[in-house]
Structure formats: C-alpha cells, structure tokens
Amino acid sequence: MTTNKNNDKMSREEAGRMGGKATAKNHDKEFYQEIGEKGGETTAKNHDKEFYQEIGEKGGETTAKNHDKEFYQEIGEKGGETTAKNHDKEFYQEIGEKGGEATAKNHDKEFYQEIGEKGGKSNNKRNND
C-alpha cells in the first residue's frame, strides 16, 4: 500500500482502487449488470438528449484518436454478427424503413443524384475489372 504525505493516510485514488479490487472479488457479472442498469436509469432521469449527444461525441473523438480502421472493421463485424443472431428479417425491414424516412426528411434531390452517380461509377468500375 502506498501512502501520501498527509499523516500517512491513503489517497482517495488509492482507496478507490483498493475498494474496486475488493468489490470485484466479491461480485459476479450479474451484480455489475444490475448496478449498471440502475445507474443508467438514474442518469436518464437526470439528463437530456443534448447531454447524451455531447458525451457520445466526446467518446467518439477519443475512440477515433486511439484506434485505426481495422479496429472499426472488427467491432463492426462483431456487432453485425451479434445483431443478426438477435433479430429477424422484419427487424431489418423496420429499421431500414425508419432510416430511409429519416434520410428523405434530411436530404434533397441533389443529395440522391450525387450518391446515385457515385454508386453508378463504383458499379461500372466493378463491371470493367
């Protein structure tokens, strides 16, 4: 145990670390899932959409600084496999429809012309290879 110069008292950081280790020894996965759920519910009651957007953006920026393209490909693949195991055809039809509606609300004719042109070029390239 490391002590600081405050009358040989343990720092908060050290006490927290020791407490965390002791808790980890005494509890299982279900314990952490339960307290995580309770914490999530409490946080949801106390914060608005902007709070989650802000912390999501910060987390995304930090993650992007610390990981490469292969990392995102791997987690995307794992997420896709897990989602596919847990959902049926109707789920994908529903989220596809919702995504299409949201995209249609947020984009104009020029957007669709541009992505159609890109798709056409990509398809021509594949056909000529």
N, C-alpha and C. Protein backbone atom coordinates (compact mmCIF):
# COMPACT_ATOMS: atom_id res chain seq x y z
N MET A 1 0.84 -1.19 0.00
CA MET A 1 0.00 0.00 0.00
C MET A 1 0.88 1.24 0.00
N THR A 2 0.60 2.15 -0.90
CA THR A 2 1.34 3.39 -0.99
C THR A 2 0.62 4.44 -0.17
N THR A 3 1.35 5.28 0.50
CA THR A 3 0.73 6.34 1.28
C THR A 3 1.23 7.68 0.79
N ASN A 4 0.47 8.73 1.11
CA ASN A 4 0.93 10.06 0.76
C ASN A 4 1.49 10.74 1.99
N LYS A 5 1.83 12.01 1.87
CA LYS A 5 2.50 12.70 2.98
C LYS A 5 1.51 13.36 3.93
N ASN A 6 0.22 13.04 3.83
CA ASN A 6 -0.82 13.56 4.71
C ASN A 6 -1.00 12.63 5.90
N ASN A 7 -0.11 12.66 6.83
CA ASN A 7 -0.18 11.80 8.02
C ASN A 7 -0.27 10.33 7.65
N ASP A 8 0.43 9.94 6.60
CA ASP A 8 0.43 8.55 6.14
C ASP A 8 -0.96 8.02 5.83
N LYS A 9 -1.88 8.91 5.42
CA LYS A 9 -3.22 8.47 5.02
C LYS A 9 -3.21 8.09 3.56
N MET A 10 -4.09 7.18 3.23
CA MET A 10 -4.24 6.73 1.85
C MET A 10 -4.95 7.81 1.05
N SER A 11 -4.53 8.00 -0.22
CA SER A 11 -5.22 8.96 -1.09
C SER A 11 -6.58 8.41 -1.51
N ARG A 12 -7.44 9.27 -1.97
CA ARG A 12 -8.75 8.83 -2.46
C ARG A 12 -8.58 7.86 -3.62
N GLU A 13 -7.63 8.16 -4.48
CA GLU A 13 -7.37 7.30 -5.64
C GLU A 13 -6.98 5.90 -5.19
N GLU A 14 -6.08 5.84 -4.22
CA GLU A 14 -5.63 4.54 -3.71
C GLU A 14 -6.76 3.79 -3.02
N ALA A 15 -7.55 4.51 -2.22
CA ALA A 15 -8.68 3.88 -1.53
C ALA A 15 -9.70 3.37 -2.54
N GLY A 16 -9.96 4.15 -3.58
CA GLY A 16 -10.90 3.73 -4.61
C GLY A 16 -10.42 2.49 -5.35
N ARG A 17 -9.15 2.47 -5.65
CA ARG A 17 -8.56 1.31 -6.34
C ARG A 17 -8.69 0.06 -5.48
N MET A 18 -8.38 0.18 -4.20
CA MET A 18 -8.46 -0.98 -3.30
C MET A 18 -9.92 -1.42 -3.14
N GLY A 19 -10.82 -0.47 -3.02
CA GLY A 19 -12.24 -0.81 -2.89
C GLY A 19 -12.77 -1.49 -4.14
N GLY A 20 -12.34 -1.00 -5.30
CA GLY A 20 -12.75 -1.62 -6.55
C GLY A 20 -12.26 -3.05 -6.68
N LYS A 21 -11.03 -3.30 -6.27
CA LYS A 21 -10.49 -4.66 -6.32
C LYS A 21 -11.25 -5.58 -5.37
N ALA A 22 -11.57 -5.09 -4.17
CA ALA A 22 -12.31 -5.90 -3.20
C ALA A 22 -13.71 -6.20 -3.72
N THR A 23 -14.36 -5.22 -4.31
CA THR A 23 -15.70 -5.41 -4.86
C THR A 23 -15.67 -6.43 -5.98
N ALA A 24 -14.68 -6.32 -6.86
CA ALA A 24 -14.55 -7.25 -7.98
C ALA A 24 -14.40 -8.69 -7.50
N LYS A 25 -13.71 -8.89 -6.40
CA LYS A 25 -13.52 -10.24 -5.86
C LYS A 25 -14.83 -10.82 -5.33
N ASN A 26 -15.71 -9.94 -4.84
CA ASN A 26 -16.91 -10.40 -4.13
C ASN A 26 -18.17 -10.43 -4.97
N HIS A 27 -18.12 -9.97 -6.22
CA HIS A 27 -19.34 -9.88 -7.02
C HIS A 27 -19.15 -10.46 -8.41
N ASP A 28 -20.27 -10.91 -9.00
CA ASP A 28 -20.24 -11.52 -10.32
C ASP A 28 -20.78 -10.57 -11.39
N LYS A 29 -20.83 -11.07 -12.62
CA LYS A 29 -21.27 -10.29 -13.77
C LYS A 29 -22.67 -9.71 -13.55
N GLU A 30 -23.58 -10.51 -12.99
CA GLU A 30 -24.96 -10.06 -12.79
C GLU A 30 -25.02 -8.86 -11.86
N PHE A 31 -24.17 -8.82 -10.84
CA PHE A 31 -24.12 -7.68 -9.93
C PHE A 31 -23.80 -6.40 -10.69
N TYR A 32 -22.78 -6.46 -11.55
CA TYR A 32 -22.39 -5.28 -12.30
C TYR A 32 -23.45 -4.89 -13.32
N GLN A 33 -24.13 -5.87 -13.91
CA GLN A 33 -25.21 -5.56 -14.85
C GLN A 33 -26.35 -4.84 -14.12
N GLU A 34 -26.68 -5.30 -12.93
CA GLU A 34 -27.76 -4.69 -12.16
C GLU A 34 -27.43 -3.26 -11.75
N ILE A 35 -26.22 -3.05 -11.22
CA ILE A 35 -25.90 -1.67 -10.80
C ILE A 35 -25.72 -0.76 -12.01
N GLY A 36 -25.25 -1.32 -13.11
CA GLY A 36 -25.14 -0.53 -14.34
C GLY A 36 -26.50 -0.09 -14.84
N GLU A 37 -27.46 -0.99 -14.77
CA GLU A 37 -28.83 -0.67 -15.20
C GLU A 37 -29.42 0.41 -14.31
N LYS A 38 -29.25 0.28 -13.00
CA LYS A 38 -29.76 1.29 -12.06
C LYS A 38 -29.11 2.64 -12.33
N GLY A 39 -27.80 2.63 -12.55
CA GLY A 39 -27.10 3.88 -12.84
C GLY A 39 -27.58 4.50 -14.14
N GLY A 40 -27.80 3.66 -15.14
CA GLY A 40 -28.30 4.16 -16.42
C GLY A 40 -29.68 4.77 -16.29
N GLU A 41 -30.55 4.14 -15.51
CA GLU A 41 -31.90 4.68 -15.30
C GLU A 41 -31.83 6.03 -14.58
N THR A 42 -30.99 6.12 -13.57
CA THR A 42 -30.85 7.37 -12.82
C THR A 42 -30.30 8.47 -13.72
N THR A 43 -29.28 8.13 -14.50
CA THR A 43 -28.69 9.11 -15.41
C THR A 43 -29.72 9.58 -16.43
N ALA A 44 -30.51 8.65 -16.96
CA ALA A 44 -31.53 9.01 -17.95
C ALA A 44 -32.56 9.97 -17.37
N LYS A 45 -32.88 9.81 -16.10
CA LYS A 45 -33.85 10.70 -15.45
C LYS A 45 -33.29 12.11 -15.28
N ASN A 46 -31.97 12.20 -15.13
CA ASN A 46 -31.35 13.49 -14.78
C ASN A 46 -30.72 14.24 -15.95
N HIS A 47 -30.74 13.66 -17.15
CA HIS A 47 -30.09 14.30 -18.29
C HIS A 47 -30.97 14.27 -19.52
N ASP A 48 -30.70 15.23 -20.41
CA ASP A 48 -31.50 15.35 -21.64
C ASP A 48 -30.71 14.84 -22.85
N LYS A 49 -31.36 14.91 -24.00
CA LYS A 49 -30.79 14.43 -25.26
C LYS A 49 -29.43 15.08 -25.55
N GLU A 50 -29.31 16.37 -25.28
CA GLU A 50 -28.06 17.09 -25.57
C GLU A 50 -26.90 16.55 -24.75
N PHE A 51 -27.17 16.14 -23.50
CA PHE A 51 -26.14 15.55 -22.65
C PHE A 51 -25.57 14.30 -23.31
N TYR A 52 -26.45 13.42 -23.78
CA TYR A 52 -26.00 12.18 -24.40
C TYR A 52 -25.30 12.43 -25.73
N GLN A 53 -25.76 13.43 -26.47
CA GLN A 53 -25.09 13.76 -27.72
C GLN A 53 -23.67 14.26 -27.45
N GLU A 54 -23.53 15.09 -26.42
CA GLU A 54 -22.22 15.64 -26.08
C GLU A 54 -21.25 14.55 -25.61
N ILE A 55 -21.70 13.68 -24.70
CA ILE A 55 -20.77 12.65 -24.22
C ILE A 55 -20.50 11.62 -25.31
N GLY A 56 -21.47 11.37 -26.17
CA GLY A 56 -21.25 10.46 -27.29
C GLY A 56 -20.21 11.01 -28.25
N GLU A 57 -20.30 12.30 -28.51
CA GLU A 57 -19.34 12.94 -29.41
C GLU A 57 -17.93 12.90 -28.81
N LYS A 58 -17.82 13.21 -27.52
CA LYS A 58 -16.51 13.16 -26.86
C LYS A 58 -15.93 11.74 -26.90
N GLY A 59 -16.78 10.76 -26.62
CA GLY A 59 -16.32 9.37 -26.65
C GLY A 59 -15.89 8.96 -28.04
N GLY A 60 -16.65 9.38 -29.04
CA GLY A 60 -16.30 9.06 -30.42
C GLY A 60 -14.98 9.68 -30.83
N GLU A 61 -14.75 10.93 -30.43
CA GLU A 61 -13.49 11.60 -30.76
C GLU A 61 -12.31 10.89 -30.10
N THR A 62 -12.48 10.54 -28.84
CA THR A 62 -11.41 9.85 -28.12
C THR A 62 -11.13 8.49 -28.75
N THR A 63 -12.19 7.76 -29.06
CA THR A 63 -12.02 6.45 -29.68
C THR A 63 -11.30 6.58 -31.02
N ALA A 64 -11.71 7.57 -31.81
CA ALA A 64 -11.09 7.77 -33.13
C ALA A 64 -9.60 8.08 -33.01
N LYS A 65 -9.20 8.78 -31.97
CA LYS A 65 -7.78 9.10 -31.78
C LYS A 65 -6.98 7.86 -31.42
N ASN A 66 -7.63 6.90 -30.78
CA ASN A 66 -6.92 5.75 -30.23
C ASN A 66 -7.01 4.47 -31.05
N HIS A 67 -7.76 4.49 -32.16
CA HIS A 67 -7.95 3.26 -32.93
C HIS A 67 -7.82 3.50 -34.42
N ASP A 68 -7.50 2.43 -35.14
CA ASP A 68 -7.33 2.51 -36.59
C ASP A 68 -8.51 1.87 -37.32
N LYS A 69 -8.45 1.90 -38.64
CA LYS A 69 -9.53 1.39 -39.48
C LYS A 69 -9.86 -0.08 -39.18
N GLU A 70 -8.84 -0.89 -38.94
CA GLU A 70 -9.04 -2.31 -38.68
C GLU A 70 -9.85 -2.52 -37.41
N PHE A 71 -9.63 -1.67 -36.39
CA PHE A 71 -10.39 -1.77 -35.15
C PHE A 71 -11.88 -1.60 -35.43
N TYR A 72 -12.22 -0.57 -36.21
CA TYR A 72 -13.63 -0.32 -36.51
C TYR A 72 -14.23 -1.42 -37.38
N GLN A 73 -13.45 -1.96 -38.28
CA GLN A 73 -13.95 -3.07 -39.09
C GLN A 73 -14.25 -4.28 -38.21
N GLU A 74 -13.36 -4.56 -37.28
CA GLU A 74 -13.54 -5.72 -36.40
C GLU A 74 -14.75 -5.55 -35.49
N ILE A 75 -14.89 -4.38 -34.85
CA ILE A 75 -16.04 -4.22 -33.96
C ILE A 75 -17.33 -4.13 -34.74
N GLY A 76 -17.28 -3.58 -35.94
CA GLY A 76 -18.47 -3.53 -36.79
C GLY A 76 -18.92 -4.93 -37.18
N GLU A 77 -17.96 -5.77 -37.51
CA GLU A 77 -18.27 -7.15 -37.88
C GLU A 77 -18.87 -7.90 -36.69
N LYS A 78 -18.27 -7.73 -35.51
CA LYS A 78 -18.79 -8.39 -34.31
C LYS A 78 -20.20 -7.91 -34.00
N GLY A 79 -20.40 -6.61 -34.10
CA GLY A 79 -21.73 -6.05 -33.85
C GLY A 79 -22.75 -6.55 -34.85
N GLY A 80 -22.36 -6.63 -36.09
CA GLY A 80 -23.26 -7.13 -37.12
C GLY A 80 -23.64 -8.58 -36.90
N GLU A 81 -22.65 -9.39 -36.50
CA GLU A 81 -22.93 -10.80 -36.23
C GLU A 81 -23.87 -10.96 -35.04
N THR A 82 -23.63 -10.19 -33.99
CA THR A 82 -24.48 -10.26 -32.81
C THR A 82 -25.90 -9.80 -33.13
N THR A 83 -26.00 -8.70 -33.87
CA THR A 83 -27.32 -8.19 -34.25
C THR A 83 -28.06 -9.20 -35.10
N ALA A 84 -27.37 -9.82 -36.04
CA ALA A 84 -28.00 -10.81 -36.91
C ALA A 84 -28.52 -12.01 -36.12
N LYS A 85 -27.80 -12.39 -35.07
CA LYS A 85 -28.24 -13.52 -34.24
C LYS A 85 -29.50 -13.17 -33.45
N ASN A 86 -29.63 -11.90 -33.09
CA ASN A 86 -30.71 -11.48 -32.19
C ASN A 86 -31.93 -10.90 -32.88
N HIS A 87 -31.91 -10.76 -34.20
CA HIS A 87 -33.02 -10.11 -34.89
C HIS A 87 -33.41 -10.87 -36.15
N ASP A 88 -34.66 -10.69 -36.54
CA ASP A 88 -35.17 -11.36 -37.73
C ASP A 88 -35.31 -10.38 -38.89
N LYS A 89 -35.79 -10.89 -40.02
CA LYS A 89 -35.95 -10.12 -41.25
C LYS A 89 -36.81 -8.87 -41.03
N GLU A 90 -37.87 -9.00 -40.25
CA GLU A 90 -38.78 -7.87 -40.01
C GLU A 90 -38.07 -6.73 -39.29
N PHE A 91 -37.16 -7.06 -38.38
CA PHE A 91 -36.40 -6.03 -37.67
C PHE A 91 -35.61 -5.17 -38.67
N TYR A 92 -34.93 -5.83 -39.60
CA TYR A 92 -34.13 -5.10 -40.57
C TYR A 92 -35.01 -4.29 -41.53
N GLN A 93 -36.16 -4.83 -41.87
CA GLN A 93 -37.08 -4.08 -42.73
C GLN A 93 -37.55 -2.82 -42.02
N GLU A 94 -37.86 -2.95 -40.72
CA GLU A 94 -38.35 -1.81 -39.95
C GLU A 94 -37.28 -0.73 -39.79
N ILE A 95 -36.05 -1.13 -39.42
CA ILE A 95 -35.02 -0.10 -39.24
C ILE A 95 -34.60 0.49 -40.58
N GLY A 96 -34.66 -0.31 -41.64
CA GLY A 96 -34.35 0.22 -42.97
C GLY A 96 -35.37 1.26 -43.39
N GLU A 97 -36.63 0.99 -43.10
CA GLU A 97 -37.69 1.94 -43.44
C GLU A 97 -37.53 3.23 -42.63
N LYS A 98 -37.26 3.10 -41.34
CA LYS A 98 -37.05 4.28 -40.50
C LYS A 98 -35.86 5.10 -40.99
N GLY A 99 -34.78 4.42 -41.33
CA GLY A 99 -33.60 5.12 -41.85
C GLY A 99 -33.89 5.82 -43.15
N GLY A 100 -34.62 5.16 -44.02
CA GLY A 100 -34.99 5.77 -45.30
C GLY A 100 -35.86 7.00 -45.11
N GLU A 101 -36.80 6.92 -44.19
CA GLU A 101 -37.67 8.07 -43.92
C GLU A 101 -36.87 9.23 -43.35
N ALA A 102 -35.98 8.94 -42.41
CA ALA A 102 -35.16 10.00 -41.81
C ALA A 102 -34.25 10.63 -42.86
N THR A 103 -33.66 9.81 -43.71
CA THR A 103 -32.78 10.33 -44.76
C THR A 103 -33.57 11.21 -45.72
N ALA A 104 -34.76 10.76 -46.08
CA ALA A 104 -35.59 11.53 -47.02
C ALA A 104 -35.96 12.89 -46.44
N LYS A 105 -36.19 12.96 -45.13
CA LYS A 105 -36.53 14.23 -44.48
C LYS A 105 -35.35 15.20 -44.47
N ASN A 106 -34.14 14.64 -44.39
CA ASN A 106 -32.95 15.46 -44.19
C ASN A 106 -32.17 15.79 -45.46
N HIS A 107 -32.57 15.23 -46.60
CA HIS A 107 -31.79 15.44 -47.82
C HIS A 107 -32.70 15.80 -48.99
N ASP A 108 -32.11 16.52 -49.93
CA ASP A 108 -32.86 16.96 -51.11
C ASP A 108 -32.50 16.12 -52.34
N LYS A 109 -33.11 16.48 -53.47
CA LYS A 109 -32.93 15.76 -54.72
C LYS A 109 -31.46 15.68 -55.13
N GLU A 110 -30.70 16.76 -54.92
CA GLU A 110 -29.29 16.79 -55.32
C GLU A 110 -28.47 15.75 -54.55
N PHE A 111 -28.82 15.52 -53.29
CA PHE A 111 -28.13 14.51 -52.48
C PHE A 111 -28.27 13.14 -53.14
N TYR A 112 -29.49 12.79 -53.52
CA TYR A 112 -29.74 11.49 -54.12
C TYR A 112 -29.08 11.37 -55.50
N GLN A 113 -29.04 12.47 -56.23
CA GLN A 113 -28.37 12.44 -57.53
C GLN A 113 -26.88 12.18 -57.35
N GLU A 114 -26.30 12.83 -56.34
CA GLU A 114 -24.86 12.67 -56.08
C GLU A 114 -24.52 11.24 -55.65
N ILE A 115 -25.30 10.67 -54.72
CA ILE A 115 -24.96 9.32 -54.29
C ILE A 115 -25.27 8.30 -55.39
N GLY A 116 -26.28 8.57 -56.20
CA GLY A 116 -26.58 7.68 -57.32
C GLY A 116 -25.46 7.69 -58.33
N GLU A 117 -24.90 8.86 -58.57
CA GLU A 117 -23.78 8.99 -59.52
C GLU A 117 -22.56 8.23 -58.98
N LYS A 118 -22.28 8.38 -57.69
CA LYS A 118 -21.16 7.66 -57.09
C LYS A 118 -21.37 6.16 -57.17
N GLY A 119 -22.58 5.71 -56.89
CA GLY A 119 -22.89 4.29 -56.97
C GLY A 119 -22.74 3.77 -58.38
N GLY A 120 -23.17 4.54 -59.35
CA GLY A 120 -23.03 4.15 -60.75
C GLY A 120 -21.58 4.03 -61.16
N LYS A 121 -20.76 4.97 -60.74
CA LYS A 121 -19.33 4.91 -61.06
C LYS A 121 -18.69 3.68 -60.42
N SER A 122 -19.05 3.41 -59.17
CA SER A 122 -18.49 2.26 -58.46
C SER A 122 -18.90 0.96 -59.14
N ASN A 123 -20.14 0.87 -59.56
CA ASN A 123 -20.66 -0.32 -60.20
C ASN A 123 -19.97 -0.52 -61.58
N ASN A 124 -19.77 0.56 -62.33
CA ASN A 124 -19.08 0.47 -63.63
C ASN A 124 -17.66 -0.02 -63.44
N LYS A 125 -17.00 0.47 -62.40
CA LYS A 125 -15.62 0.07 -62.14
C LYS A 125 -15.56 -1.43 -61.87
N ARG A 126 -16.49 -1.96 -61.08
CA ARG A 126 -16.51 -3.39 -60.77
C ARG A 126 -16.79 -4.21 -62.02
N ASN A 127 -17.67 -3.73 -62.86
CA ASN A 127 -18.04 -4.47 -64.07
C ASN A 127 -16.91 -4.48 -65.09
N ASN A 128 -16.05 -3.46 -65.07
CA ASN A 128 -14.93 -3.39 -66.02
C ASN A 128 -13.69 -4.12 -65.53
N ASP A 129 -13.67 -4.53 -64.29
CA ASP A 129 -12.50 -5.24 -63.73
C ASP A 129 -12.46 -6.68 -64.14
